[in-house]
All heavy atoms as atom14 arrays in JSON, in Angstrom:
{
  "sequence": "LEHLRSDARSWAAQVRTMGELSDLSLLGAKAGVAQFAQLEMAGSWSVA",
  "atom14_mask": [
    [1, 1, 1, 1, 1, 1, 1, 1, 0, 0, 0, 0, 0, 0],
    [1, 1, 1, 1, 1, 1, 1, 1, 1, 0, 0, 0, 0, 0],
    [1, 1, 1, 1, 1, 1, 1, 1, 1, 1, 0, 0, 0, 0],
    [1, 1, 1, 1, 1, 1, 1, 1, 0, 0, 0, 0, 0, 0],
    [1, 1, 1, 1, 1, 1, 1, 1, 1, 1, 1, 0, 0, 0],
    [1, 1, 1, 1, 1, 1, 0, 0, 0, 0, 0, 0, 0, 0],
    [1, 1, 1, 1, 1, 1, 1, 1, 0, 0, 0, 0, 0, 0],
    [1, 1, 1, 1, 1, 0, 0, 0, 0, 0, 0, 0, 0, 0],
    [1, 1, 1, 1, 1, 1, 1, 1, 1, 1, 1, 0, 0, 0],
    [1, 1, 1, 1, 1, 1, 0, 0, 0, 0, 0, 0, 0, 0],
    [1, 1, 1, 1, 1, 1, 1, 1, 1, 1, 1, 1, 1, 1],
    [1, 1, 1, 1, 1, 0, 0, 0, 0, 0, 0, 0, 0, 0],
    [1, 1, 1, 1, 1, 0, 0, 0, 0, 0, 0, 0, 0, 0],
    [1, 1, 1, 1, 1, 1, 1, 1, 1, 0, 0, 0, 0, 0],
    [1, 1, 1, 1, 1, 1, 1, 0, 0, 0, 0, 0, 0, 0],
    [1, 1, 1, 1, 1, 1, 1, 1, 1, 1, 1, 0, 0, 0],
    [1, 1, 1, 1, 1, 1, 1, 0, 0, 0, 0, 0, 0, 0],
    [1, 1, 1, 1, 1, 1, 1, 1, 0, 0, 0, 0, 0, 0],
    [1, 1, 1, 1, 0, 0, 0, 0, 0, 0, 0, 0, 0, 0],
    [1, 1, 1, 1, 1, 1, 1, 1, 1, 0, 0, 0, 0, 0],
    [1, 1, 1, 1, 1, 1, 1, 1, 0, 0, 0, 0, 0, 0],
    [1, 1, 1, 1, 1, 1, 0, 0, 0, 0, 0, 0, 0, 0],
    [1, 1, 1, 1, 1, 1, 1, 1, 0, 0, 0, 0, 0, 0],
    [1, 1, 1, 1, 1, 1, 1, 1, 0, 0, 0, 0, 0, 0],
    [1, 1, 1, 1, 1, 1, 0, 0, 0, 0, 0, 0, 0, 0],
    [1, 1, 1, 1, 1, 1, 1, 1, 0, 0, 0, 0, 0, 0],
    [1, 1, 1, 1, 1, 1, 1, 1, 0, 0, 0, 0, 0, 0],
    [1, 1, 1, 1, 0, 0, 0, 0, 0, 0, 0, 0, 0, 0],
    [1, 1, 1, 1, 1, 0, 0, 0, 0, 0, 0, 0, 0, 0],
    [1, 1, 1, 1, 1, 1, 1, 1, 1, 0, 0, 0, 0, 0],
    [1, 1, 1, 1, 1, 0, 0, 0, 0, 0, 0, 0, 0, 0],
    [1, 1, 1, 1, 0, 0, 0, 0, 0, 0, 0, 0, 0, 0],
    [1, 1, 1, 1, 1, 1, 1, 0, 0, 0, 0, 0, 0, 0],
    [1, 1, 1, 1, 1, 0, 0, 0, 0, 0, 0, 0, 0, 0],
    [1, 1, 1, 1, 1, 1, 1, 1, 1, 0, 0, 0, 0, 0],
    [1, 1, 1, 1, 1, 1, 1, 1, 1, 1, 1, 0, 0, 0],
    [1, 1, 1, 1, 1, 0, 0, 0, 0, 0, 0, 0, 0, 0],
    [1, 1, 1, 1, 1, 1, 1, 1, 1, 0, 0, 0, 0, 0],
    [1, 1, 1, 1, 1, 1, 1, 1, 0, 0, 0, 0, 0, 0],
    [1, 1, 1, 1, 1, 1, 1, 1, 1, 0, 0, 0, 0, 0],
    [1, 1, 1, 1, 1, 1, 1, 1, 0, 0, 0, 0, 0, 0],
    [1, 1, 1, 1, 1, 0, 0, 0, 0, 0, 0, 0, 0, 0],
    [1, 1, 1, 1, 0, 0, 0, 0, 0, 0, 0, 0, 0, 0],
    [1, 1, 1, 1, 1, 1, 0, 0, 0, 0, 0, 0, 0, 0],
    [1, 1, 1, 1, 1, 1, 1, 1, 1, 1, 1, 1, 1, 1],
    [1, 1, 1, 1, 1, 1, 0, 0, 0, 0, 0, 0, 0, 0],
    [1, 1, 1, 1, 1, 1, 1, 0, 0, 0, 0, 0, 0, 0],
    [1, 1, 1, 1, 1, 0, 0, 0, 0, 0, 0, 0, 0, 0]
  ],
  "atom14_positions": [
    [[20.74, -11.45, -12.95], [20.18, -12.2, -11.93], [20.29, -11.34, -10.6], [19.2, -11.42, -9.85], [20.85, -13.53, -11.75], [20.5, -14.41, -10.59], [19.02, -14.75, -10.79], [21.3, -15.58, -10.44], [0.0, 0.0, 0.0], [0.0, 0.0, 0.0], [0.0, 0.0, 0.0], [0.0, 0.0, 0.0], [0.0, 0.0, 0.0], [0.0, 0.0, 0.0]],
    [[21.19, -10.62, -10.48], [21.33, -9.75, -9.15], [20.24, -8.6, -9.23], [19.66, -8.28, -8.3], [22.67, -9.11, -9.05], [22.87, -8.34, -7.66], [22.32, -9.06, -6.45], [22.56, -10.34, -6.29], [21.52, -8.5, -5.68], [0.0, 0.0, 0.0], [0.0, 0.0, 0.0], [0.0, 0.0, 0.0], [0.0, 0.0, 0.0], [0.0, 0.0, 0.0]],
    [[20.0, -8.02, -10.49], [18.91, -7.06, -10.65], [17.52, -7.88, -10.27], [16.71, -7.07, -9.64], [18.94, -6.66, -11.95], [19.99, -5.67, -12.37], [20.44, -4.61, -11.53], [20.83, -5.63, -13.49], [21.38, -3.96, -12.16], [21.69, -4.65, -13.33], [0.0, 0.0, 0.0], [0.0, 0.0, 0.0], [0.0, 0.0, 0.0], [0.0, 0.0, 0.0]],
    [[17.31, -9.02, -10.84], [16.07, -9.61, -10.49], [15.98, -9.87, -8.92], [14.84, -9.78, -8.32], [16.01, -11.05, -11.22], [15.9, -10.75, -12.75], [15.98, -12.17, -13.52], [14.47, -10.23, -13.07], [0.0, 0.0, 0.0], [0.0, 0.0, 0.0], [0.0, 0.0, 0.0], [0.0, 0.0, 0.0], [0.0, 0.0, 0.0], [0.0, 0.0, 0.0]],
    [[16.98, -10.29, -8.33], [17.01, -10.49, -6.81], [16.69, -9.16, -6.15], [15.89, -9.19, -5.2], [18.29, -11.18, -6.41], [18.38, -12.65, -6.78], [19.77, -13.2, -6.26], [19.85, -14.58, -6.59], [20.86, -15.25, -6.95], [22.07, -14.56, -6.9], [20.84, -16.58, -7.13], [0.0, 0.0, 0.0], [0.0, 0.0, 0.0], [0.0, 0.0, 0.0]],
    [[17.36, -8.16, -6.56], [17.14, -6.83, -5.96], [15.59, -6.4, -6.17], [14.98, -5.9, -5.27], [18.02, -5.85, -6.67], [17.79, -4.57, -6.15], [0.0, 0.0, 0.0], [0.0, 0.0, 0.0], [0.0, 0.0, 0.0], [0.0, 0.0, 0.0], [0.0, 0.0, 0.0], [0.0, 0.0, 0.0], [0.0, 0.0, 0.0], [0.0, 0.0, 0.0]],
    [[15.07, -6.64, -7.32], [13.7, -6.44, -7.62], [12.72, -7.18, -6.62], [11.83, -6.59, -6.18], [13.28, -6.73, -9.07], [11.94, -6.55, -9.34], [11.48, -5.41, -9.09], [11.23, -7.47, -9.77], [0.0, 0.0, 0.0], [0.0, 0.0, 0.0], [0.0, 0.0, 0.0], [0.0, 0.0, 0.0], [0.0, 0.0, 0.0], [0.0, 0.0, 0.0]],
    [[13.14, -8.43, -6.43], [12.31, -9.3, -5.55], [12.38, -8.74, -4.07], [11.37, -8.63, -3.45], [12.82, -10.84, -5.54], [0.0, 0.0, 0.0], [0.0, 0.0, 0.0], [0.0, 0.0, 0.0], [0.0, 0.0, 0.0], [0.0, 0.0, 0.0], [0.0, 0.0, 0.0], [0.0, 0.0, 0.0], [0.0, 0.0, 0.0], [0.0, 0.0, 0.0]],
    [[13.63, -8.44, -3.62], [13.71, -7.75, -2.32], [12.92, -6.55, -2.25], [12.24, -6.28, -1.23], [15.18, -7.61, -1.94], [15.87, -8.86, -1.69], [17.34, -8.6, -1.22], [18.21, -7.99, -2.21], [19.03, -8.9, -3.03], [18.94, -10.11, -2.98], [19.74, -8.17, -3.92], [0.0, 0.0, 0.0], [0.0, 0.0, 0.0], [0.0, 0.0, 0.0]],
    [[12.95, -5.59, -3.25], [12.26, -4.38, -3.23], [10.79, -4.68, -3.25], [10.03, -3.98, -2.47], [12.64, -3.55, -4.45], [11.85, -2.44, -4.49], [0.0, 0.0, 0.0], [0.0, 0.0, 0.0], [0.0, 0.0, 0.0], [0.0, 0.0, 0.0], [0.0, 0.0, 0.0], [0.0, 0.0, 0.0], [0.0, 0.0, 0.0], [0.0, 0.0, 0.0]],
    [[10.39, -5.56, -3.97], [8.86, -5.91, -3.96], [8.4, -6.36, -2.75], [7.38, -6.0, -2.25], [8.52, -6.78, -5.2], [7.15, -7.01, -5.46], [6.19, -6.02, -5.69], [6.45, -8.16, -5.7], [4.96, -6.51, -5.92], [5.12, -7.96, -6.03], [6.76, -9.57, -5.78], [4.15, -8.88, -6.29], [5.82, -10.49, -6.05], [4.58, -10.27, -6.28]],
    [[9.2, -7.34, -2.12], [8.83, -7.78, -0.67], [8.72, -6.55, 0.27], [7.8, -6.69, 1.08], [9.83, -8.81, -0.36], [0.0, 0.0, 0.0], [0.0, 0.0, 0.0], [0.0, 0.0, 0.0], [0.0, 0.0, 0.0], [0.0, 0.0, 0.0], [0.0, 0.0, 0.0], [0.0, 0.0, 0.0], [0.0, 0.0, 0.0], [0.0, 0.0, 0.0]],
    [[9.69, -5.72, 0.13], [9.5, -4.56, 1.0], [8.23, -3.7, 0.76], [7.59, -3.32, 1.76], [10.76, -3.7, 0.9], [0.0, 0.0, 0.0], [0.0, 0.0, 0.0], [0.0, 0.0, 0.0], [0.0, 0.0, 0.0], [0.0, 0.0, 0.0], [0.0, 0.0, 0.0], [0.0, 0.0, 0.0], [0.0, 0.0, 0.0], [0.0, 0.0, 0.0]],
    [[7.89, -3.51, -0.45], [6.6, -2.87, -0.78], [5.47, -3.65, -0.26], [4.53, -3.01, 0.28], [6.48, -2.67, -2.32], [7.52, -1.85, -2.98], [7.54, -1.96, -4.45], [6.32, -1.9, -5.03], [8.63, -1.9, -5.11], [0.0, 0.0, 0.0], [0.0, 0.0, 0.0], [0.0, 0.0, 0.0], [0.0, 0.0, 0.0], [0.0, 0.0, 0.0]],
    [[5.48, -5.08, -0.36], [4.33, -5.78, 0.17], [4.3, -5.68, 1.73], [3.18, -5.43, 2.2], [4.53, -7.26, -0.31], [3.65, -8.23, 0.55], [4.4, -7.47, -1.74], [0.0, 0.0, 0.0], [0.0, 0.0, 0.0], [0.0, 0.0, 0.0], [0.0, 0.0, 0.0], [0.0, 0.0, 0.0], [0.0, 0.0, 0.0], [0.0, 0.0, 0.0]],
    [[5.35, -5.66, 2.37], [5.35, -5.43, 3.81], [4.85, -4.12, 4.22], [3.94, -4.01, 5.1], [6.75, -5.67, 4.44], [7.26, -7.0, 4.31], [6.73, -7.83, 5.53], [7.49, -9.05, 5.61], [6.96, -10.15, 5.99], [5.62, -10.23, 6.57], [7.6, -11.3, 5.97], [0.0, 0.0, 0.0], [0.0, 0.0, 0.0], [0.0, 0.0, 0.0]],
    [[5.28, -3.04, 3.51], [4.88, -1.77, 3.78], [3.33, -1.52, 3.52], [2.58, -0.88, 4.27], [5.67, -0.69, 2.88], [6.96, -0.77, 3.27], [5.14, 0.64, 3.24], [0.0, 0.0, 0.0], [0.0, 0.0, 0.0], [0.0, 0.0, 0.0], [0.0, 0.0, 0.0], [0.0, 0.0, 0.0], [0.0, 0.0, 0.0], [0.0, 0.0, 0.0]],
    [[2.93, -2.2, 2.51], [1.48, -2.25, 2.06], [0.61, -2.84, 3.19], [-0.42, -2.3, 3.55], [1.18, -2.99, 0.77], [-0.21, -2.89, 0.25], [-0.47, -1.43, -0.75], [0.7, -1.74, -2.06], [0.0, 0.0, 0.0], [0.0, 0.0, 0.0], [0.0, 0.0, 0.0], [0.0, 0.0, 0.0], [0.0, 0.0, 0.0], [0.0, 0.0, 0.0]],
    [[1.07, -3.84, 3.8], [0.53, -4.5, 4.88], [0.43, -3.61, 6.11], [-0.53, -3.62, 6.89], [0.0, 0.0, 0.0], [0.0, 0.0, 0.0], [0.0, 0.0, 0.0], [0.0, 0.0, 0.0], [0.0, 0.0, 0.0], [0.0, 0.0, 0.0], [0.0, 0.0, 0.0], [0.0, 0.0, 0.0], [0.0, 0.0, 0.0], [0.0, 0.0, 0.0]],
    [[1.44, -2.74, 6.26], [1.46, -1.85, 7.41], [0.48, -0.71, 7.16], [0.04, -0.05, 8.11], [2.82, -1.17, 7.56], [3.86, -2.28, 8.04], [5.22, -1.8, 8.01], [5.52, -0.57, 7.62], [6.12, -2.6, 8.26], [0.0, 0.0, 0.0], [0.0, 0.0, 0.0], [0.0, 0.0, 0.0], [0.0, 0.0, 0.0], [0.0, 0.0, 0.0]],
    [[0.0, -0.47, 5.97], [-0.91, 0.58, 5.63], [-2.33, 0.05, 5.94], [-3.29, 0.9, 5.77], [-0.89, 0.89, 4.2], [0.42, 1.75, 3.87], [0.52, 1.93, 2.28], [0.5, 3.09, 4.49], [0.0, 0.0, 0.0], [0.0, 0.0, 0.0], [0.0, 0.0, 0.0], [0.0, 0.0, 0.0], [0.0, 0.0, 0.0], [0.0, 0.0, 0.0]],
    [[-2.56, -1.0, 6.58], [-3.9, -1.42, 6.83], [-4.49, -0.53, 7.9], [-5.76, -0.44, 7.93], [-3.86, -2.93, 7.34], [-3.15, -3.01, 8.53], [0.0, 0.0, 0.0], [0.0, 0.0, 0.0], [0.0, 0.0, 0.0], [0.0, 0.0, 0.0], [0.0, 0.0, 0.0], [0.0, 0.0, 0.0], [0.0, 0.0, 0.0], [0.0, 0.0, 0.0]],
    [[-3.81, 0.28, 8.58], [-4.36, 1.15, 9.54], [-5.14, 2.16, 8.9], [-6.05, 2.72, 9.5], [-3.29, 1.75, 10.5], [-2.22, 2.6, 9.68], [-1.97, 2.33, 8.61], [-1.51, 3.41, 10.36], [0.0, 0.0, 0.0], [0.0, 0.0, 0.0], [0.0, 0.0, 0.0], [0.0, 0.0, 0.0], [0.0, 0.0, 0.0], [0.0, 0.0, 0.0]],
    [[-4.81, 2.5, 7.56], [-5.55, 3.41, 6.83], [-6.94, 2.91, 6.58], [-7.97, 3.66, 6.67], [-4.92, 3.63, 5.38], [-3.75, 4.63, 5.46], [-3.21, 4.66, 3.96], [-4.03, 5.95, 5.89], [0.0, 0.0, 0.0], [0.0, 0.0, 0.0], [0.0, 0.0, 0.0], [0.0, 0.0, 0.0], [0.0, 0.0, 0.0], [0.0, 0.0, 0.0]],
    [[-7.11, 1.7, 6.49], [-8.55, 1.11, 6.29], [-9.27, 1.29, 7.62], [-10.42, 1.62, 7.59], [-8.39, -0.45, 6.01], [-7.75, -0.61, 4.78], [0.0, 0.0, 0.0], [0.0, 0.0, 0.0], [0.0, 0.0, 0.0], [0.0, 0.0, 0.0], [0.0, 0.0, 0.0], [0.0, 0.0, 0.0], [0.0, 0.0, 0.0], [0.0, 0.0, 0.0]],
    [[-8.64, 1.0, 8.74], [-9.25, 1.33, 10.02], [-9.73, 2.74, 10.21], [-10.85, 2.94, 10.68], [-8.42, 0.75, 11.15], [-8.06, -0.73, 11.21], [-7.08, -0.9, 12.36], [-9.27, -1.52, 11.31], [0.0, 0.0, 0.0], [0.0, 0.0, 0.0], [0.0, 0.0, 0.0], [0.0, 0.0, 0.0], [0.0, 0.0, 0.0], [0.0, 0.0, 0.0]],
    [[-8.86, 3.56, 9.79], [-9.1, 5.02, 9.96], [-10.23, 5.35, 9.04], [-11.14, 6.12, 9.45], [-7.87, 5.89, 9.61], [-8.0, 7.4, 9.56], [-8.25, 7.84, 10.97], [-6.78, 7.92, 9.06], [0.0, 0.0, 0.0], [0.0, 0.0, 0.0], [0.0, 0.0, 0.0], [0.0, 0.0, 0.0], [0.0, 0.0, 0.0], [0.0, 0.0, 0.0]],
    [[-10.27, 4.84, 7.91], [-11.42, 5.18, 6.84], [-12.76, 4.57, 7.35], [-13.72, 5.18, 7.25], [0.0, 0.0, 0.0], [0.0, 0.0, 0.0], [0.0, 0.0, 0.0], [0.0, 0.0, 0.0], [0.0, 0.0, 0.0], [0.0, 0.0, 0.0], [0.0, 0.0, 0.0], [0.0, 0.0, 0.0], [0.0, 0.0, 0.0], [0.0, 0.0, 0.0]],
    [[-12.61, 3.37, 7.97], [-13.88, 2.75, 8.53], [-14.46, 3.55, 9.65], [-15.63, 3.81, 9.78], [-13.61, 1.39, 9.01], [0.0, 0.0, 0.0], [0.0, 0.0, 0.0], [0.0, 0.0, 0.0], [0.0, 0.0, 0.0], [0.0, 0.0, 0.0], [0.0, 0.0, 0.0], [0.0, 0.0, 0.0], [0.0, 0.0, 0.0], [0.0, 0.0, 0.0]],
    [[-13.57, 4.19, 10.43], [-14.14, 5.02, 11.58], [-14.72, 6.21, 11.06], [-15.64, 6.72, 11.61], [-12.99, 5.31, 12.58], [-12.52, 4.22, 13.39], [-11.32, 4.64, 14.23], [-10.89, 3.45, 15.1], [-9.56, 3.74, 15.84], [0.0, 0.0, 0.0], [0.0, 0.0, 0.0], [0.0, 0.0, 0.0], [0.0, 0.0, 0.0], [0.0, 0.0, 0.0]],
    [[-14.25, 6.79, 9.91], [-14.74, 7.88, 9.31], [-15.96, 7.69, 8.38], [-16.54, 8.61, 7.88], [-13.67, 8.68, 8.48], [0.0, 0.0, 0.0], [0.0, 0.0, 0.0], [0.0, 0.0, 0.0], [0.0, 0.0, 0.0], [0.0, 0.0, 0.0], [0.0, 0.0, 0.0], [0.0, 0.0, 0.0], [0.0, 0.0, 0.0], [0.0, 0.0, 0.0]],
    [[-16.28, 6.45, 8.22], [-17.43, 6.06, 7.41], [-17.08, 6.01, 5.97], [-17.95, 6.03, 5.09], [0.0, 0.0, 0.0], [0.0, 0.0, 0.0], [0.0, 0.0, 0.0], [0.0, 0.0, 0.0], [0.0, 0.0, 0.0], [0.0, 0.0, 0.0], [0.0, 0.0, 0.0], [0.0, 0.0, 0.0], [0.0, 0.0, 0.0], [0.0, 0.0, 0.0]],
    [[-15.77, 5.96, 5.56], [-15.45, 5.81, 4.18], [-14.66, 4.56, 3.86], [-13.59, 4.36, 4.33], [-14.33, 7.06, 3.74], [-14.02, 7.06, 2.38], [-15.03, 8.38, 4.13], [0.0, 0.0, 0.0], [0.0, 0.0, 0.0], [0.0, 0.0, 0.0], [0.0, 0.0, 0.0], [0.0, 0.0, 0.0], [0.0, 0.0, 0.0], [0.0, 0.0, 0.0]],
    [[-15.43, 3.56, 3.45], [-15.01, 2.23, 3.51], [-13.76, 2.05, 2.48], [-12.87, 1.31, 2.74], [-16.08, 1.32, 2.82], [0.0, 0.0, 0.0], [0.0, 0.0, 0.0], [0.0, 0.0, 0.0], [0.0, 0.0, 0.0], [0.0, 0.0, 0.0], [0.0, 0.0, 0.0], [0.0, 0.0, 0.0], [0.0, 0.0, 0.0], [0.0, 0.0, 0.0]],
    [[-13.66, 2.87, 1.48], [-12.51, 2.77, 0.56], [-11.46, 3.83, 0.77], [-10.72, 4.17, -0.15], [-12.96, 2.85, -0.88], [-14.0, 1.55, -1.2], [-14.53, 1.66, -2.61], [-14.64, 2.67, -3.16], [-14.76, 0.58, -3.08], [0.0, 0.0, 0.0], [0.0, 0.0, 0.0], [0.0, 0.0, 0.0], [0.0, 0.0, 0.0], [0.0, 0.0, 0.0]],
    [[-11.45, 4.41, 1.91], [-10.36, 5.5, 2.24], [-9.04, 5.11, 1.92], [-8.23, 5.87, 1.21], [-10.57, 5.86, 3.67], [-9.65, 6.98, 4.05], [-9.8, 8.28, 3.69], [-8.4, 6.68, 4.8], [-8.92, 9.25, 3.99], [-7.43, 7.56, 5.2], [-7.85, 9.03, 4.82], [0.0, 0.0, 0.0], [0.0, 0.0, 0.0], [0.0, 0.0, 0.0]],
    [[-8.52, 3.86, 2.31], [-7.18, 3.52, 2.09], [-6.85, 3.46, 0.64], [-5.73, 3.89, 0.2], [-6.99, 2.05, 2.72], [0.0, 0.0, 0.0], [0.0, 0.0, 0.0], [0.0, 0.0, 0.0], [0.0, 0.0, 0.0], [0.0, 0.0, 0.0], [0.0, 0.0, 0.0], [0.0, 0.0, 0.0], [0.0, 0.0, 0.0], [0.0, 0.0, 0.0]],
    [[-7.71, 2.85, -0.1], [-7.49, 2.68, -1.63], [-7.44, 4.05, -2.25], [-6.57, 4.32, -3.13], [-8.44, 1.78, -2.28], [-8.46, 0.37, -1.93], [-9.11, 0.01, -0.64], [-9.97, 0.74, -0.13], [-8.69, -1.08, -0.09], [0.0, 0.0, 0.0], [0.0, 0.0, 0.0], [0.0, 0.0, 0.0], [0.0, 0.0, 0.0], [0.0, 0.0, 0.0]],
    [[-8.34, 4.97, -1.84], [-8.33, 6.28, -2.31], [-6.94, 7.05, -1.99], [-6.45, 7.68, -2.86], [-9.51, 7.14, -1.9], [-10.8, 6.8, -2.38], [-11.94, 7.42, -1.54], [-11.06, 7.09, -3.73], [0.0, 0.0, 0.0], [0.0, 0.0, 0.0], [0.0, 0.0, 0.0], [0.0, 0.0, 0.0], [0.0, 0.0, 0.0], [0.0, 0.0, 0.0]],
    [[-6.57, 6.94, -0.78], [-5.33, 7.56, -0.34], [-4.09, 6.97, -1.12], [-3.25, 7.71, -1.52], [-5.23, 7.32, 1.15], [-4.07, 8.13, 1.73], [-4.19, 9.57, 1.81], [-5.32, 10.02, 1.8], [-3.2, 10.41, 1.88], [0.0, 0.0, 0.0], [0.0, 0.0, 0.0], [0.0, 0.0, 0.0], [0.0, 0.0, 0.0], [0.0, 0.0, 0.0]],
    [[-4.03, 5.68, -1.17], [-3.0, 5.03, -1.91], [-2.98, 5.44, -3.37], [-1.97, 5.75, -3.93], [-2.97, 3.54, -1.73], [-2.66, 3.08, -0.29], [-2.62, 1.29, -0.32], [-4.24, 0.93, 0.28], [0.0, 0.0, 0.0], [0.0, 0.0, 0.0], [0.0, 0.0, 0.0], [0.0, 0.0, 0.0], [0.0, 0.0, 0.0], [0.0, 0.0, 0.0]],
    [[-4.04, 5.42, -3.96], [-4.09, 5.63, -5.41], [-3.74, 7.05, -5.7], [-3.03, 7.37, -6.65], [-5.67, 5.45, -5.93], [0.0, 0.0, 0.0], [0.0, 0.0, 0.0], [0.0, 0.0, 0.0], [0.0, 0.0, 0.0], [0.0, 0.0, 0.0], [0.0, 0.0, 0.0], [0.0, 0.0, 0.0], [0.0, 0.0, 0.0], [0.0, 0.0, 0.0]],
    [[-4.25, 7.9, -4.9], [-3.82, 9.48, -5.06], [-2.29, 9.63, -4.83], [-1.64, 10.41, -5.51], [0.0, 0.0, 0.0], [0.0, 0.0, 0.0], [0.0, 0.0, 0.0], [0.0, 0.0, 0.0], [0.0, 0.0, 0.0], [0.0, 0.0, 0.0], [0.0, 0.0, 0.0], [0.0, 0.0, 0.0], [0.0, 0.0, 0.0], [0.0, 0.0, 0.0]],
    [[-1.83, 8.96, -3.85], [-0.38, 9.05, -3.45], [0.6, 8.48, -4.43], [1.67, 9.05, -4.77], [-0.08, 8.5, -2.08], [-0.73, 9.09, -1.04], [0.0, 0.0, 0.0], [0.0, 0.0, 0.0], [0.0, 0.0, 0.0], [0.0, 0.0, 0.0], [0.0, 0.0, 0.0], [0.0, 0.0, 0.0], [0.0, 0.0, 0.0], [0.0, 0.0, 0.0]],
    [[0.05, 7.43, -5.1], [1.04, 6.67, -5.98], [0.71, 6.9, -7.51], [1.33, 6.21, -8.31], [1.0, 5.16, -5.67], [1.29, 4.88, -4.26], [2.22, 5.71, -3.38], [0.86, 3.76, -3.4], [2.29, 5.07, -2.2], [1.4, 3.95, -2.23], [-0.01, 2.71, -3.72], [1.2, 3.05, -1.15], [-0.19, 1.8, -2.66], [0.36, 2.08, -1.44]],
    [[-0.31, 7.7, -7.71], [-0.77, 7.99, -9.13], [-1.04, 6.61, -9.89], [-0.64, 6.43, -11.0], [0.38, 8.7, -10.02], [0.69, 9.92, -9.32], [0.0, 0.0, 0.0], [0.0, 0.0, 0.0], [0.0, 0.0, 0.0], [0.0, 0.0, 0.0], [0.0, 0.0, 0.0], [0.0, 0.0, 0.0], [0.0, 0.0, 0.0], [0.0, 0.0, 0.0]],
    [[-1.98, 5.84, -9.28], [-2.38, 4.64, -9.77], [-3.97, 4.72, -9.63], [-4.54, 5.43, -8.94], [-1.87, 3.31, -9.18], [-0.43, 3.21, -9.32], [-2.21, 3.17, -7.75], [0.0, 0.0, 0.0], [0.0, 0.0, 0.0], [0.0, 0.0, 0.0], [0.0, 0.0, 0.0], [0.0, 0.0, 0.0], [0.0, 0.0, 0.0], [0.0, 0.0, 0.0]],
    [[-4.63, 3.78, -10.35], [-6.15, 3.57, -10.32], [-6.47, 3.11, -8.88], [-5.68, 2.31, -8.28], [-6.67, 2.74, -11.37], [0.0, 0.0, 0.0], [0.0, 0.0, 0.0], [0.0, 0.0, 0.0], [0.0, 0.0, 0.0], [0.0, 0.0, 0.0], [0.0, 0.0, 0.0], [0.0, 0.0, 0.0], [0.0, 0.0, 0.0], [0.0, 0.0, 0.0]]
  ]
}
């Protein structure tokens, strides 16, 4: 149960950080690359 609670807290922190990464979307929009944030995140985290 403590592991599950720790996972919940960690996931919430990831969600908050992901929200803070919205500035990448603004940066990409200014550069004319609509999906810049997703490309940057995908490359950094080795996900699709």
